[in-house]
Amino acid sequence: MNRKFIVVVRTLSIVVPLLAGLATRSAAQGVSENRPDSAIAAAATGTAQAVPVEHKPGGEANLIIPDLSQVSFLGGIHGRSLLMGGLVICALGLLFGLVFYGQLKRMAVHESMREVSELIYVTC
């Protein structure tokens, strides 16, 4: 079998149960999409009312970041769990890239191609 295929299958065999566990855990926590204290949930369900916003100088330093523990997405996945699952997928992508970079670096290369590669690297 092809090595790349084996690596992809092994990676998926790790990621799929992890995401399923995150979805099960967030559903078990019982996060409600219609909590009255969550402006995000109200906006998502279409029940949001216009609230006057007071201007504060300082730009991005005064942004109010919503609490991800108060909302759920995609059929009950807790907002924080969705964020952490995305970070896990990013970390797996980084690991995947590093593994293949290492494999490419160890591959045998013809001497003339190595010279061309070094010439391009030096002249850049």
PDB file of N, CA and C in Angstrom:
ATOM      1  N   MET A   1       0.828  -1.180   0.000  1.00  0.00           N
ATOM      2  CA  MET A   1       0.000   0.000   0.000  1.00  0.00           C
ATOM      3  C   MET A   1       0.877   1.250   0.000  1.00  0.00           C
ATOM      4  N   ASN A   2       0.323   2.323  -0.494  1.00  0.00           N
ATOM      5  CA  ASN A   2       1.046   3.579  -0.568  1.00  0.00           C
ATOM      6  C   ASN A   2       1.233   4.170   0.841  1.00  0.00           C
ATOM      7  N   ARG A   3       2.417   4.688   1.114  1.00  0.00           N
ATOM      8  CA  ARG A   3       2.705   5.249   2.448  1.00  0.00           C
ATOM      9  C   ARG A   3       1.809   6.441   2.780  1.00  0.00           C
ATOM     10  N   LYS A   4       1.581   7.298   1.783  1.00  0.00           N
ATOM     11  CA  LYS A   4       0.738   8.479   2.026  1.00  0.00           C
ATOM     12  C   LYS A   4      -0.671   8.062   2.411  1.00  0.00           C
ATOM     13  N   PHE A   5      -1.187   7.042   1.745  1.00  0.00           N
ATOM     14  CA  PHE A   5      -2.523   6.554   2.055  1.00  0.00           C
ATOM     15  C   PHE A   5      -2.597   6.036   3.490  1.00  0.00           C
ATOM     16  N   ILE A   6      -1.570   5.319   3.904  1.00  0.00           N
ATOM     17  CA  ILE A   6      -1.532   4.780   5.265  1.00  0.00           C
ATOM     18  C   ILE A   6      -1.501   5.910   6.288  1.00  0.00           C
ATOM     19  N   VAL A   7      -0.713   6.961   6.023  1.00  0.00           N
ATOM     20  CA  VAL A   7      -0.636   8.097   6.945  1.00  0.00           C
ATOM     21  C   VAL A   7      -1.988   8.799   7.040  1.00  0.00           C
ATOM     22  N   VAL A   8      -2.662   8.987   5.901  1.00  0.00           N
ATOM     23  CA  VAL A   8      -3.970   9.647   5.905  1.00  0.00           C
ATOM     24  C   VAL A   8      -4.985   8.816   6.665  1.00  0.00           C
ATOM     25  N   VAL A   9      -4.992   7.506   6.454  1.00  0.00           N
ATOM     26  CA  VAL A   9      -5.944   6.632   7.143  1.00  0.00           C
ATOM     27  C   VAL A   9      -5.684   6.647   8.647  1.00  0.00           C
ATOM     28  N   ARG A  10      -4.431   6.601   9.051  1.00  0.00           N
ATOM     29  CA  ARG A  10      -4.118   6.642  10.488  1.00  0.00           C
ATOM     30  C   ARG A  10      -4.527   7.969  11.108  1.00  0.00           C
ATOM     31  N   THR A  11      -4.298   9.066  10.380  1.00  0.00           N
ATOM     32  CA  THR A  11      -4.681  10.381  10.882  1.00  0.00           C
ATOM     33  C   THR A  11      -6.194  10.470  11.036  1.00  0.00           C
ATOM     34  N   LEU A  12      -6.923   9.998  10.029  1.00  0.00           N
ATOM     35  CA  LEU A  12      -8.381  10.030  10.113  1.00  0.00           C
ATOM     36  C   LEU A  12      -8.897   9.122  11.225  1.00  0.00           C
ATOM     37  N   SER A  13      -8.223   8.002  11.466  1.00  0.00           N
ATOM     38  CA  SER A  13      -8.665   7.109  12.527  1.00  0.00           C
ATOM     39  C   SER A  13      -8.486   7.743  13.907  1.00  0.00           C
ATOM     40  N   ILE A  14      -7.649   8.752  13.996  1.00  0.00           N
ATOM     41  CA  ILE A  14      -7.482   9.473  15.256  1.00  0.00           C
ATOM     42  C   ILE A  14      -8.450  10.650  15.341  1.00  0.00           C
ATOM     43  N   VAL A  15      -8.604  11.387  14.242  1.00  0.00           N
ATOM     44  CA  VAL A  15      -9.395  12.615  14.242  1.00  0.00           C
ATOM     45  C   VAL A  15     -10.886  12.341  14.372  1.00  0.00           C
ATOM     46  N   VAL A  16     -11.414  11.362  13.645  1.00  0.00           N
ATOM     47  CA  VAL A  16     -12.855  11.116  13.647  1.00  0.00           C
ATOM     48  C   VAL A  16     -13.380  10.761  15.038  1.00  0.00           C
ATOM     49  N   PRO A  17     -12.776   9.818  15.778  1.00  0.00           N
ATOM     50  CA  PRO A  17     -13.276   9.550  17.142  1.00  0.00           C
ATOM     51  C   PRO A  17     -13.129  10.755  18.070  1.00  0.00           C
ATOM     52  N   LEU A  18     -12.071  11.544  17.867  1.00  0.00           N
ATOM     53  CA  LEU A  18     -11.880  12.726  18.694  1.00  0.00           C
ATOM     54  C   LEU A  18     -13.014  13.725  18.487  1.00  0.00           C
ATOM     55  N   LEU A  19     -13.363  13.993  17.238  1.00  0.00           N
ATOM     56  CA  LEU A  19     -14.454  14.917  16.953  1.00  0.00           C
ATOM     57  C   LEU A  19     -15.792  14.362  17.423  1.00  0.00           C
ATOM     58  N   ALA A  20     -15.989  13.071  17.286  1.00  0.00           N
ATOM     59  CA  ALA A  20     -17.228  12.455  17.770  1.00  0.00           C
ATOM     60  C   ALA A  20     -17.327  12.590  19.294  1.00  0.00           C
ATOM     61  N   GLY A  21     -16.208  12.424  19.975  1.00  0.00           N
ATOM     62  CA  GLY A  21     -16.200  12.594  21.433  1.00  0.00           C
ATOM     63  C   GLY A  21     -16.505  14.023  21.844  1.00  0.00           C
ATOM     64  N   LEU A  22     -15.958  14.993  21.100  1.00  0.00           N
ATOM     65  CA  LEU A  22     -16.249  16.397  21.391  1.00  0.00           C
ATOM     66  C   LEU A  22     -17.727  16.700  21.187  1.00  0.00           C
ATOM     67  N   ALA A  23     -18.308  16.178  20.120  1.00  0.00           N
ATOM     68  CA  ALA A  23     -19.724  16.422  19.841  1.00  0.00           C
ATOM     69  C   ALA A  23     -20.599  15.778  20.910  1.00  0.00           C
ATOM     70  N   THR A  24     -20.255  14.579  21.340  1.00  0.00           N
ATOM     71  CA  THR A  24     -21.026  13.883  22.368  1.00  0.00           C
ATOM     72  C   THR A  24     -20.925  14.610  23.699  1.00  0.00           C
ATOM     73  N   ARG A  25     -19.726  15.069  24.025  1.00  0.00           N
ATOM     74  CA  ARG A  25     -19.521  15.770  25.292  1.00  0.00           C
ATOM     75  C   ARG A  25     -20.294  17.072  25.339  1.00  0.00           C
ATOM     76  N   SER A  26     -20.282  17.828  24.242  1.00  0.00           N
ATOM     77  CA  SER A  26     -20.980  19.108  24.242  1.00  0.00           C
ATOM     78  C   SER A  26     -22.491  18.907  24.258  1.00  0.00           C
ATOM     79  N   ALA A  27     -22.977  17.842  23.613  1.00  0.00           N
ATOM     80  CA  ALA A  27     -24.410  17.569  23.646  1.00  0.00           C
ATOM     81  C   ALA A  27     -24.840  17.140  25.044  1.00  0.00           C
ATOM     82  N   ALA A  28     -23.959  16.434  25.736  1.00  0.00           N
ATOM     83  CA  ALA A  28     -24.286  15.976  27.090  1.00  0.00           C
ATOM     84  C   ALA A  28     -24.324  17.130  28.084  1.00  0.00           C
ATOM     85  N   GLN A  29     -23.626  18.213  27.786  1.00  0.00           N
ATOM     86  CA  GLN A  29     -23.613  19.354  28.700  1.00  0.00           C
ATOM     87  C   GLN A  29     -24.917  20.134  28.644  1.00  0.00           C
ATOM     88  N   GLY A  30     -25.708  19.915  27.593  1.00  0.00           N
ATOM     89  CA  GLY A  30     -27.026  20.542  27.518  1.00  0.00           C
ATOM     90  C   GLY A  30     -26.973  22.028  27.280  1.00  0.00           C
ATOM     91  N   VAL A  31     -26.164  22.480  26.394  1.00  0.00           N
ATOM     92  CA  VAL A  31     -26.078  23.903  26.098  1.00  0.00           C
ATOM     93  C   VAL A  31     -27.298  24.302  25.287  1.00  0.00           C
ATOM     94  N   SER A  32     -27.979  25.310  25.721  1.00  0.00           N
ATOM     95  CA  SER A  32     -29.186  25.756  25.042  1.00  0.00           C
ATOM     96  C   SER A  32     -28.850  26.845  24.035  1.00  0.00           C
ATOM     97  N   GLU A  33     -29.527  26.796  22.876  1.00  0.00           N
ATOM     98  CA  GLU A  33     -29.291  27.824  21.867  1.00  0.00           C
ATOM     99  C   GLU A  33     -30.072  29.093  22.158  1.00  0.00           C
ATOM    100  N   ASN A  34     -31.066  29.050  23.038  1.00  0.00           N
ATOM    101  CA  ASN A  34     -31.934  30.200  23.276  1.00  0.00           C
ATOM    102  C   ASN A  34     -31.766  30.772  24.677  1.00  0.00           C
ATOM    103  N   ARG A  35     -30.578  30.831  25.180  1.00  0.00           N
ATOM    104  CA  ARG A  35     -30.358  31.407  26.503  1.00  0.00           C
ATOM    105  C   ARG A  35     -30.630  32.899  26.430  1.00  0.00           C
ATOM    106  N   PRO A  36     -31.381  33.457  27.381  1.00  0.00           N
ATOM    107  CA  PRO A  36     -31.732  34.872  27.317  1.00  0.00           C
ATOM    108  C   PRO A  36     -30.529  35.795  27.517  1.00  0.00           C
ATOM    109  N   ASP A  37     -29.470  35.340  28.167  1.00  0.00           N
ATOM    110  CA  ASP A  37     -28.328  36.213  28.424  1.00  0.00           C
ATOM    111  C   ASP A  37     -27.290  36.160  27.312  1.00  0.00           C
ATOM    112  N   SER A  38     -27.588  35.518  26.212  1.00  0.00           N
ATOM    113  CA  SER A  38     -26.624  35.404  25.129  1.00  0.00           C
ATOM    114  C   SER A  38     -27.104  36.171  23.909  1.00  0.00           C
ATOM    115  N   ALA A  39     -26.408  37.260  23.598  1.00  0.00           N
ATOM    116  CA  ALA A  39     -26.755  38.056  22.428  1.00  0.00           C
ATOM    117  C   ALA A  39     -26.461  37.286  21.150  1.00  0.00           C
ATOM    118  N   ILE A  40     -25.455  36.433  21.191  1.00  0.00           N
ATOM    119  CA  ILE A  40     -25.094  35.658  20.002  1.00  0.00           C
ATOM    120  C   ILE A  40     -26.189  34.658  19.681  1.00  0.00           C
ATOM    121  N   ALA A  41     -26.695  33.966  20.690  1.00  0.00           N
ATOM    122  CA  ALA A  41     -27.753  32.998  20.455  1.00  0.00           C
ATOM    123  C   ALA A  41     -29.013  33.698  19.956  1.00  0.00           C
ATOM    124  N   ALA A  42     -29.295  34.867  20.480  1.00  0.00           N
ATOM    125  CA  ALA A  42     -30.462  35.615  20.024  1.00  0.00           C
ATOM    126  C   ALA A  42     -30.304  36.043  18.575  1.00  0.00           C
ATOM    127  N   ALA A  43     -29.100  36.455  18.204  1.00  0.00           N
ATOM    128  CA  ALA A  43     -28.856  36.851  16.818  1.00  0.00           C
ATOM    129  C   ALA A  43     -28.949  35.651  15.889  1.00  0.00           C
ATOM    130  N   ALA A  44     -28.492  34.485  16.347  1.00  0.00           N
ATOM    131  CA  ALA A  44     -28.523  33.285  15.514  1.00  0.00           C
ATOM    132  C   ALA A  44     -29.944  32.793  15.288  1.00  0.00           C
ATOM    133  N   THR A  45     -30.822  32.984  16.245  1.00  0.00           N
ATOM    134  CA  THR A  45     -32.196  32.515  16.105  1.00  0.00           C
ATOM    135  C   THR A  45     -33.111  33.576  15.511  1.00  0.00           C
ATOM    136  N   GLY A  46     -32.612  34.779  15.314  1.00  0.00           N
ATOM    137  CA  GLY A  46     -33.417  35.835  14.710  1.00  0.00           C
ATOM    138  C   GLY A  46     -34.257  36.599  15.700  1.00  0.00           C
ATOM    139  N   THR A  47     -34.035  36.435  16.990  1.00  0.00           N
ATOM    140  CA  THR A  47     -34.827  37.130  18.002  1.00  0.00           C
ATOM    141  C   THR A  47     -34.064  38.302  18.613  1.00  0.00           C
ATOM    142  N   ALA A  48     -32.989  38.707  17.983  1.00  0.00           N
ATOM    143  CA  ALA A  48     -32.173  39.797  18.534  1.00  0.00           C
ATOM    144  C   ALA A  48     -32.877  41.127  18.351  1.00  0.00           C
ATOM    145  N   GLN A  49     -32.730  41.988  19.340  1.00  0.00           N
ATOM    146  CA  GLN A  49     -33.261  43.341  19.268  1.00  0.00           C
ATOM    147  C   GLN A  49     -32.092  44.302  19.196  1.00  0.00           C
ATOM    148  N   ALA A  50     -32.323  45.427  18.535  1.00  0.00           N
ATOM    149  CA  ALA A  50     -31.269  46.426  18.400  1.00  0.00           C
ATOM    150  C   ALA A  50     -30.943  47.017  19.770  1.00  0.00           C
ATOM    151  N   VAL A  51     -29.675  47.030  20.107  1.00  0.00           N
ATOM    152  CA  VAL A  51     -29.209  47.572  21.378  1.00  0.00           C
ATOM    153  C   VAL A  51     -28.283  48.727  21.064  1.00  0.00           C
ATOM    154  N   PRO A  52     -28.527  49.902  21.655  1.00  0.00           N
ATOM    155  CA  PRO A  52     -27.627  51.023  21.381  1.00  0.00           C
ATOM    156  C   PRO A  52     -26.223  50.722  21.919  1.00  0.00           C
ATOM    157  N   VAL A  53     -25.232  50.994  21.089  1.00  0.00           N
ATOM    158  CA  VAL A  53     -23.856  50.717  21.454  1.00  0.00           C
ATOM    159  C   VAL A  53     -23.151  52.031  21.746  1.00  0.00           C
ATOM    160  N   GLU A  54     -22.537  52.084  22.907  1.00  0.00           N
ATOM    161  CA  GLU A  54     -21.801  53.274  23.294  1.00  0.00           C
ATOM    162  C   GLU A  54     -20.405  53.222  22.692  1.00  0.00           C
ATOM    163  N   HIS A  55     -19.995  54.306  22.048  1.00  0.00           N
ATOM    164  CA  HIS A  55     -18.668  54.353  21.428  1.00  0.00           C
ATOM    165  C   HIS A  55     -17.617  54.585  22.509  1.00  0.00           C
ATOM    166  N   LYS A  56     -16.598  53.736  22.502  1.00  0.00           N
ATOM    167  CA  LYS A  56     -15.483  53.892  23.424  1.00  0.00           C
ATOM    168  C   LYS A  56     -14.219  54.021  22.605  1.00  0.00           C
ATOM    169  N   PRO A  57     -13.422  55.030  22.870  1.00  0.00           N
ATOM    170  CA  PRO A  57     -12.173  55.153  22.118  1.00  0.00           C
ATOM    171  C   PRO A  57     -11.209  54.038  22.501  1.00  0.00           C
ATOM    172  N   GLY A  58     -10.300  53.731  21.606  1.00  0.00           N
ATOM    173  CA  GLY A  58      -9.306  52.709  21.900  1.00  0.00           C
ATOM    174  C   GLY A  58      -9.295  51.598  20.882  1.00  0.00           C
ATOM    175  N   GLY A  59     -10.249  51.593  19.970  1.00  0.00           N
ATOM    176  CA  GLY A  59     -10.239  50.623  18.883  1.00  0.00           C
ATOM    177  C   GLY A  59     -10.430  49.191  19.350  1.00  0.00           C
ATOM    178  N   GLU A  60      -9.585  48.315  18.844  1.00  0.00           N
ATOM    179  CA  GLU A  60      -9.739  46.884  19.104  1.00  0.00           C
ATOM    180  C   GLU A  60      -9.504  46.506  20.558  1.00  0.00           C
ATOM    181  N   ALA A  61      -8.856  47.355  21.303  1.00  0.00           N
ATOM    182  CA  ALA A  61      -8.594  47.042  22.710  1.00  0.00           C
ATOM    183  C   ALA A  61      -9.896  46.970  23.511  1.00  0.00           C
ATOM    184  N   ASN A  62     -10.953  47.616  23.043  1.00  0.00           N
ATOM    185  CA  ASN A  62     -12.220  47.635  23.768  1.00  0.00           C
ATOM    186  C   ASN A  62     -13.268  46.697  23.188  1.00  0.00           C
ATOM    187  N   LEU A  63     -12.870  45.826  22.285  1.00  0.00           N
ATOM    188  CA  LEU A  63     -13.825  44.871  21.734  1.00  0.00           C
ATOM    189  C   LEU A  63     -14.278  43.903  22.811  1.00  0.00           C
ATOM    190  N   ILE A  64     -15.551  43.588  22.790  1.00  0.00           N
ATOM    191  CA  ILE A  64     -16.102  42.623  23.738  1.00  0.00           C
ATOM    192  C   ILE A  64     -16.198  41.289  23.017  1.00  0.00           C
ATOM    193  N   ILE A  65     -15.472  40.307  23.511  1.00  0.00           N
ATOM    194  CA  ILE A  65     -15.454  38.982  22.902  1.00  0.00           C
ATOM    195  C   ILE A  65     -16.568  38.155  23.513  1.00  0.00           C
ATOM    196  N   PRO A  66     -17.431  37.574  22.678  1.00  0.00           N
ATOM    197  CA  PRO A  66     -18.541  36.782  23.236  1.00  0.00           C
ATOM    198  C   PRO A  66     -18.038  35.520  23.934  1.00  0.00           C
ATOM    199  N   ASP A  67     -18.814  35.076  24.889  1.00  0.00           N
ATOM    200  CA  ASP A  67     -18.487  33.863  25.635  1.00  0.00           C
ATOM    201  C   ASP A  67     -18.940  32.649  24.836  1.00  0.00           C
ATOM    202  N   LEU A  68     -17.991  31.848  24.366  1.00  0.00           N
ATOM    203  CA  LEU A  68     -18.329  30.695  23.534  1.00  0.00           C
ATOM    204  C   LEU A  68     -19.008  29.582  24.307  1.00  0.00           C
ATOM    205  N   SER A  69     -18.971  29.626  25.617  1.00  0.00           N
ATOM    206  CA  SER A  69     -19.620  28.571  26.396  1.00  0.00           C
ATOM    207  C   SER A  69     -21.131  28.750  26.433  1.00  0.00           C
ATOM    208  N   GLN A  70     -21.638  29.871  25.928  1.00  0.00           N
ATOM    209  CA  GLN A  70     -23.067  30.128  25.990  1.00  0.00           C
ATOM    210  C   GLN A  70     -23.802  29.819  24.691  1.00  0.00           C
ATOM    211  N   VAL A  71     -23.100  29.398  23.659  1.00  0.00           N
ATOM    212  CA  VAL A  71     -23.755  29.118  22.381  1.00  0.00           C
ATOM    213  C   VAL A  71     -23.390  27.725  21.895  1.00  0.00           C
ATOM    214  N   SER A  72     -24.204  27.223  20.978  1.00  0.00           N
ATOM    215  CA  SER A  72     -23.902  25.939  20.363  1.00  0.00           C
ATOM    216  C   SER A  72     -24.127  26.060  18.860  1.00  0.00           C
ATOM    217  N   PHE A  73     -23.410  25.249  18.113  1.00  0.00           N
ATOM    218  CA  PHE A  73     -23.447  25.298  16.663  1.00  0.00           C
ATOM    219  C   PHE A  73     -23.641  23.891  16.116  1.00  0.00           C
ATOM    220  N   LEU A  74     -24.069  23.810  14.877  1.00  0.00           N
ATOM    221  CA  LEU A  74     -24.130  22.554  14.125  1.00  0.00           C
ATOM    222  C   LEU A  74     -24.828  21.443  14.893  1.00  0.00           C
ATOM    223  N   GLY A  75     -25.989  21.735  15.386  1.00  0.00           N
ATOM    224  CA  GLY A  75     -26.771  20.701  16.046  1.00  0.00           C
ATOM    225  C   GLY A  75     -26.354  20.379  17.458  1.00  0.00           C
ATOM    226  N   GLY A  76     -25.838  21.352  18.183  1.00  0.00           N
ATOM    227  CA  GLY A  76     -25.553  21.143  19.595  1.00  0.00           C
ATOM    228  C   GLY A  76     -24.099  21.058  19.984  1.00  0.00           C
ATOM    229  N   ILE A  77     -23.190  21.340  19.056  1.00  0.00           N
ATOM    230  CA  ILE A  77     -21.773  21.319  19.420  1.00  0.00           C
ATOM    231  C   ILE A  77     -21.466  22.609  20.178  1.00  0.00           C
ATOM    232  N   HIS A  78     -20.959  22.461  21.362  1.00  0.00           N
ATOM    233  CA  HIS A  78     -20.598  23.578  22.232  1.00  0.00           C
ATOM    234  C   HIS A  78     -19.592  24.477  21.518  1.00  0.00           C
ATOM    235  N   GLY A  79     -19.727  25.788  21.616  1.00  0.00           N
ATOM    236  CA  GLY A  79     -18.842  26.715  20.915  1.00  0.00           C
ATOM    237  C   GLY A  79     -17.377  26.525  21.250  1.00  0.00           C
ATOM    238  N   ARG A  80     -17.074  26.341  22.515  1.00  0.00           N
ATOM    239  CA  ARG A  80     -15.684  26.144  22.932  1.00  0.00           C
ATOM    240  C   ARG A  80     -15.133  24.811  22.413  1.00  0.00           C
ATOM    241  N   SER A  81     -15.969  23.774  22.408  1.00  0.00           N
ATOM    242  CA  SER A  81     -15.542  22.482  21.883  1.00  0.00           C
ATOM    243  C   SER A  81     -15.258  22.565  20.389  1.00  0.00           C
ATOM    244  N   LEU A  82     -16.086  23.332  19.676  1.00  0.00           N
ATOM    245  CA  LEU A  82     -15.857  23.515  18.242  1.00  0.00           C
ATOM    246  C   LEU A  82     -14.537  24.228  17.998  1.00  0.00           C
ATOM    247  N   LEU A  83     -14.252  25.246  18.791  1.00  0.00           N
ATOM    248  CA  LEU A  83     -12.985  25.964  18.673  1.00  0.00           C
ATOM    249  C   LEU A  83     -11.800  25.048  18.976  1.00  0.00           C
ATOM    250  N   MET A  84     -11.882  24.281  20.051  1.00  0.00           N
ATOM    251  CA  MET A  84     -10.785  23.386  20.417  1.00  0.00           C
ATOM    252  C   MET A  84     -10.610  22.271  19.384  1.00  0.00           C
ATOM    253  N   GLY A  85     -11.704  21.779  18.832  1.00  0.00           N
ATOM    254  CA  GLY A  85     -11.613  20.779  17.772  1.00  0.00           C
ATOM    255  C   GLY A  85     -10.907  21.340  16.548  1.00  0.00           C
ATOM    256  N   GLY A  86     -11.184  22.596  16.216  1.00  0.00           N
ATOM    257  CA  GLY A  86     -10.494  23.244  15.104  1.00  0.00           C
ATOM    258  C   GLY A  86      -9.012  23.389  15.371  1.00  0.00           C
ATOM    259  N   LEU A  87      -8.664  23.711  16.601  1.00  0.00           N
ATOM    260  CA  LEU A  87      -7.246  23.822  16.950  1.00  0.00           C
ATOM    261  C   LEU A  87      -6.549  22.463  16.872  1.00  0.00           C
ATOM    262  N   VAL A  88      -7.251  21.396  17.254  1.00  0.00           N
ATOM    263  CA  VAL A  88      -6.679  20.052  17.153  1.00  0.00           C
ATOM    264  C   VAL A  88      -6.436  19.702  15.686  1.00  0.00           C
ATOM    265  N   ILE A  89      -7.399  20.034  14.828  1.00  0.00           N
ATOM    266  CA  ILE A  89      -7.237  19.767  13.400  1.00  0.00           C
ATOM    267  C   ILE A  89      -6.067  20.572  12.837  1.00  0.00           C
ATOM    268  N   CYS A  90      -5.907  21.820  13.273  1.00  0.00           N
ATOM    269  CA  CYS A  90      -4.764  22.630  12.831  1.00  0.00           C
ATOM    270  C   CYS A  90      -3.444  22.001  13.284  1.00  0.00           C
ATOM    271  N   ALA A  91      -3.412  21.514  14.517  1.00  0.00           N
ATOM    272  CA  ALA A  91      -2.193  20.877  15.015  1.00  0.00           C
ATOM    273  C   ALA A  91      -1.887  19.602  14.232  1.00  0.00           C
ATOM    274  N   LEU A  92      -2.914  18.834  13.895  1.00  0.00           N
ATOM    275  CA  LEU A  92      -2.698  17.629  13.092  1.00  0.00           C
ATOM    276  C   LEU A  92      -2.209  17.985  11.687  1.00  0.00           C
ATOM    277  N   GLY A  93      -2.709  19.078  11.130  1.00  0.00           N
ATOM    278  CA  GLY A  93      -2.232  19.537   9.824  1.00  0.00           C
ATOM    279  C   GLY A  93      -0.775  19.947   9.886  1.00  0.00           C
ATOM    280  N   LEU A  94      -0.397  20.617  10.961  1.00  0.00           N
ATOM    281  CA  LEU A  94       0.999  21.003  11.143  1.00  0.00           C
ATOM    282  C   LEU A  94       1.882  19.767  11.262  1.00  0.00           C
ATOM    283  N   LEU A  95       1.441  18.792  12.042  1.00  0.00           N
ATOM    284  CA  LEU A  95       2.192  17.540  12.188  1.00  0.00           C
ATOM    285  C   LEU A  95       2.314  16.815  10.851  1.00  0.00           C
ATOM    286  N   PHE A  96       1.225  16.768  10.101  1.00  0.00           N
ATOM    287  CA  PHE A  96       1.222  16.144   8.782  1.00  0.00           C
ATOM    288  C   PHE A  96       2.248  16.825   7.868  1.00  0.00           C
ATOM    289  N   GLY A  97       2.259  18.157   7.850  1.00  0.00           N
ATOM    290  CA  GLY A  97       3.212  18.900   7.023  1.00  0.00           C
ATOM    291  C   GLY A  97       4.646  18.650   7.439  1.00  0.00           C
ATOM    292  N   LEU A  98       4.897  18.604   8.736  1.00  0.00           N
ATOM    293  CA  LEU A  98       6.257  18.364   9.213  1.00  0.00           C
ATOM    294  C   LEU A  98       6.742  16.960   8.860  1.00  0.00           C
ATOM    295  N   VAL A  99       5.851  15.980   8.949  1.00  0.00           N
ATOM    296  CA  VAL A  99       6.232  14.608   8.603  1.00  0.00           C
ATOM    297  C   VAL A  99       6.609  14.524   7.130  1.00  0.00           C
ATOM    298  N   PHE A 100       5.791  15.096   6.259  1.00  0.00           N
ATOM    299  CA  PHE A 100       6.103  15.026   4.842  1.00  0.00           C
ATOM    300  C   PHE A 100       7.303  15.887   4.470  1.00  0.00           C
ATOM    301  N   TYR A 101       7.511  16.988   5.163  1.00  0.00           N
ATOM    302  CA  TYR A 101       8.711  17.785   4.928  1.00  0.00           C
ATOM    303  C   TYR A 101       9.951  16.973   5.273  1.00  0.00           C
ATOM    304  N   GLY A 102       9.914  16.273   6.386  1.00  0.00           N
ATOM    305  CA  GLY A 102      11.046  15.434   6.768  1.00  0.00           C
ATOM    306  C   GLY A 102      11.299  14.318   5.763  1.00  0.00           C
ATOM    307  N   GLN A 103      10.225  13.716   5.256  1.00  0.00           N
ATOM    308  CA  GLN A 103      10.387  12.662   4.260  1.00  0.00           C
ATOM    309  C   GLN A 103      10.990  13.207   2.970  1.00  0.00           C
ATOM    310  N   LEU A 104      10.534  14.386   2.543  1.00  0.00           N
ATOM    311  CA  LEU A 104      11.089  14.990   1.324  1.00  0.00           C
ATOM    312  C   LEU A 104      12.547  15.368   1.497  1.00  0.00           C
ATOM    313  N   LYS A 105      12.870  15.847   2.679  1.00  0.00           N
ATOM    314  CA  LYS A 105      14.246  16.270   2.928  1.00  0.00           C
ATOM    315  C   LYS A 105      15.215  15.082   2.909  1.00  0.00           C
ATOM    316  N   ARG A 106      14.745  13.910   3.335  1.00  0.00           N
ATOM    317  CA  ARG A 106      15.596  12.720   3.366  1.00  0.00           C
ATOM    318  C   ARG A 106      15.670  11.986   2.032  1.00  0.00           C
ATOM    319  N   MET A 107      14.873  12.383   1.052  1.00  0.00           N
ATOM    320  CA  MET A 107      14.866  11.675  -0.231  1.00  0.00           C
ATOM    321  C   MET A 107      16.179  11.886  -0.981  1.00  0.00           C
ATOM    322  N   ALA A 108      16.553  10.876  -1.748  1.00  0.00           N
ATOM    323  CA  ALA A 108      17.760  10.971  -2.575  1.00  0.00           C
ATOM    324  C   ALA A 108      17.494  11.932  -3.728  1.00  0.00           C
ATOM    325  N   VAL A 109      18.517  12.723  -4.077  1.00  0.00           N
ATOM    326  CA  VAL A 109      18.379  13.690  -5.155  1.00  0.00           C
ATOM    327  C   VAL A 109      19.623  13.626  -6.027  1.00  0.00           C
ATOM    328  N   HIS A 110      19.425  13.848  -7.311  1.00  0.00           N
ATOM    329  CA  HIS A 110      20.543  13.847  -8.245  1.00  0.00           C
ATOM    330  C   HIS A 110      21.424  15.064  -7.977  1.00  0.00           C
ATOM    331  N   GLU A 111      22.738  14.897  -8.141  1.00  0.00           N
ATOM    332  CA  GLU A 111      23.688  15.963  -7.806  1.00  0.00           C
ATOM    333  C   GLU A 111      23.436  17.228  -8.614  1.00  0.00           C
ATOM    334  N   SER A 112      23.103  17.108  -9.890  1.00  0.00           N
ATOM    335  CA  SER A 112      22.871  18.308 -10.709  1.00  0.00           C
ATOM    336  C   SER A 112      21.631  19.060 -10.226  1.00  0.00           C
ATOM    337  N   MET A 113      20.604  18.332  -9.788  1.00  0.00           N
ATOM    338  CA  MET A 113      19.407  18.993  -9.261  1.00  0.00           C
ATOM    339  C   MET A 113      19.715  19.675  -7.927  1.00  0.00           C
ATOM    340  N   ARG A 114      20.575  19.082  -7.136  1.00  0.00           N
ATOM    341  CA  ARG A 114      20.965  19.708  -5.871  1.00  0.00           C
ATOM    342  C   ARG A 114      21.686  21.029  -6.144  1.00  0.00           C
ATOM    343  N   GLU A 115      22.570  21.048  -7.158  1.00  0.00           N
ATOM    344  CA  GLU A 115      23.284  22.273  -7.504  1.00  0.00           C
ATOM    345  C   GLU A 115      22.324  23.357  -7.974  1.00  0.00           C
ATOM    346  N   VAL A 116      21.355  22.988  -8.808  1.00  0.00           N
ATOM    347  CA  VAL A 116      20.366  23.954  -9.279  1.00  0.00           C
ATOM    348  C   VAL A 116      19.563  24.501  -8.104  1.00  0.00           C
ATOM    349  N   SER A 117      19.153  23.616  -7.209  1.00  0.00           N
ATOM    350  CA  SER A 117      18.383  24.034  -6.042  1.00  0.00           C
ATOM    351  C   SER A 117      19.174  24.995  -5.164  1.00  0.00           C
ATOM    352  N   GLU A 118      20.448  24.685  -4.930  1.00  0.00           N
ATOM    353  CA  GLU A 118      21.279  25.569  -4.112  1.00  0.00           C
ATOM    354  C   GLU A 118      21.508  26.907  -4.801  1.00  0.00           C
ATOM    355  N   LEU A 119      21.645  26.898  -6.133  1.00  0.00           N
ATOM    356  CA  LEU A 119      21.806  28.147  -6.875  1.00  0.00           C
ATOM    357  C   LEU A 119      20.575  29.021  -6.743  1.00  0.00           C
ATOM    358  N   ILE A 120      19.397  28.412  -6.873  1.00  0.00           N
ATOM    359  CA  ILE A 120      18.145  29.172  -6.716  1.00  0.00           C
ATOM    360  C   ILE A 120      18.052  29.725  -5.304  1.00  0.00           C
ATOM    361  N   TYR A 121      18.377  28.911  -4.308  1.00  0.00           N
ATOM    362  CA  TYR A 121      18.300  29.361  -2.904  1.00  0.00           C
ATOM    363  C   TYR A 121      19.229  30.528  -2.644  1.00  0.00           C
ATOM    364  N   VAL A 122      20.464  30.461  -3.182  1.00  0.00           N
ATOM    365  CA  VAL A 122      21.456  31.505  -2.936  1.00  0.00           C
ATOM    366  C   VAL A 122      21.066  32.799  -3.645  1.00  0.00           C
ATOM    367  N   THR A 123      20.538  32.692  -4.851  1.00  0.00           N
ATOM    368  CA  THR A 123      20.218  33.906  -5.607  1.00  0.00           C
ATOM    369  C   THR A 123      18.907  34.550  -5.200  1.00  0.00           C
ATOM    370  N   CYS A 124      18.102  33.862  -4.433  1.00  0.00           N
ATOM    371  CA  CYS A 124      16.847  34.490  -3.991  1.00  0.00           C
ATOM    372  C   CYS A 124      17.179  35.504  -2.952  1.00  0.00           C
TER     373      CYS A 124
END
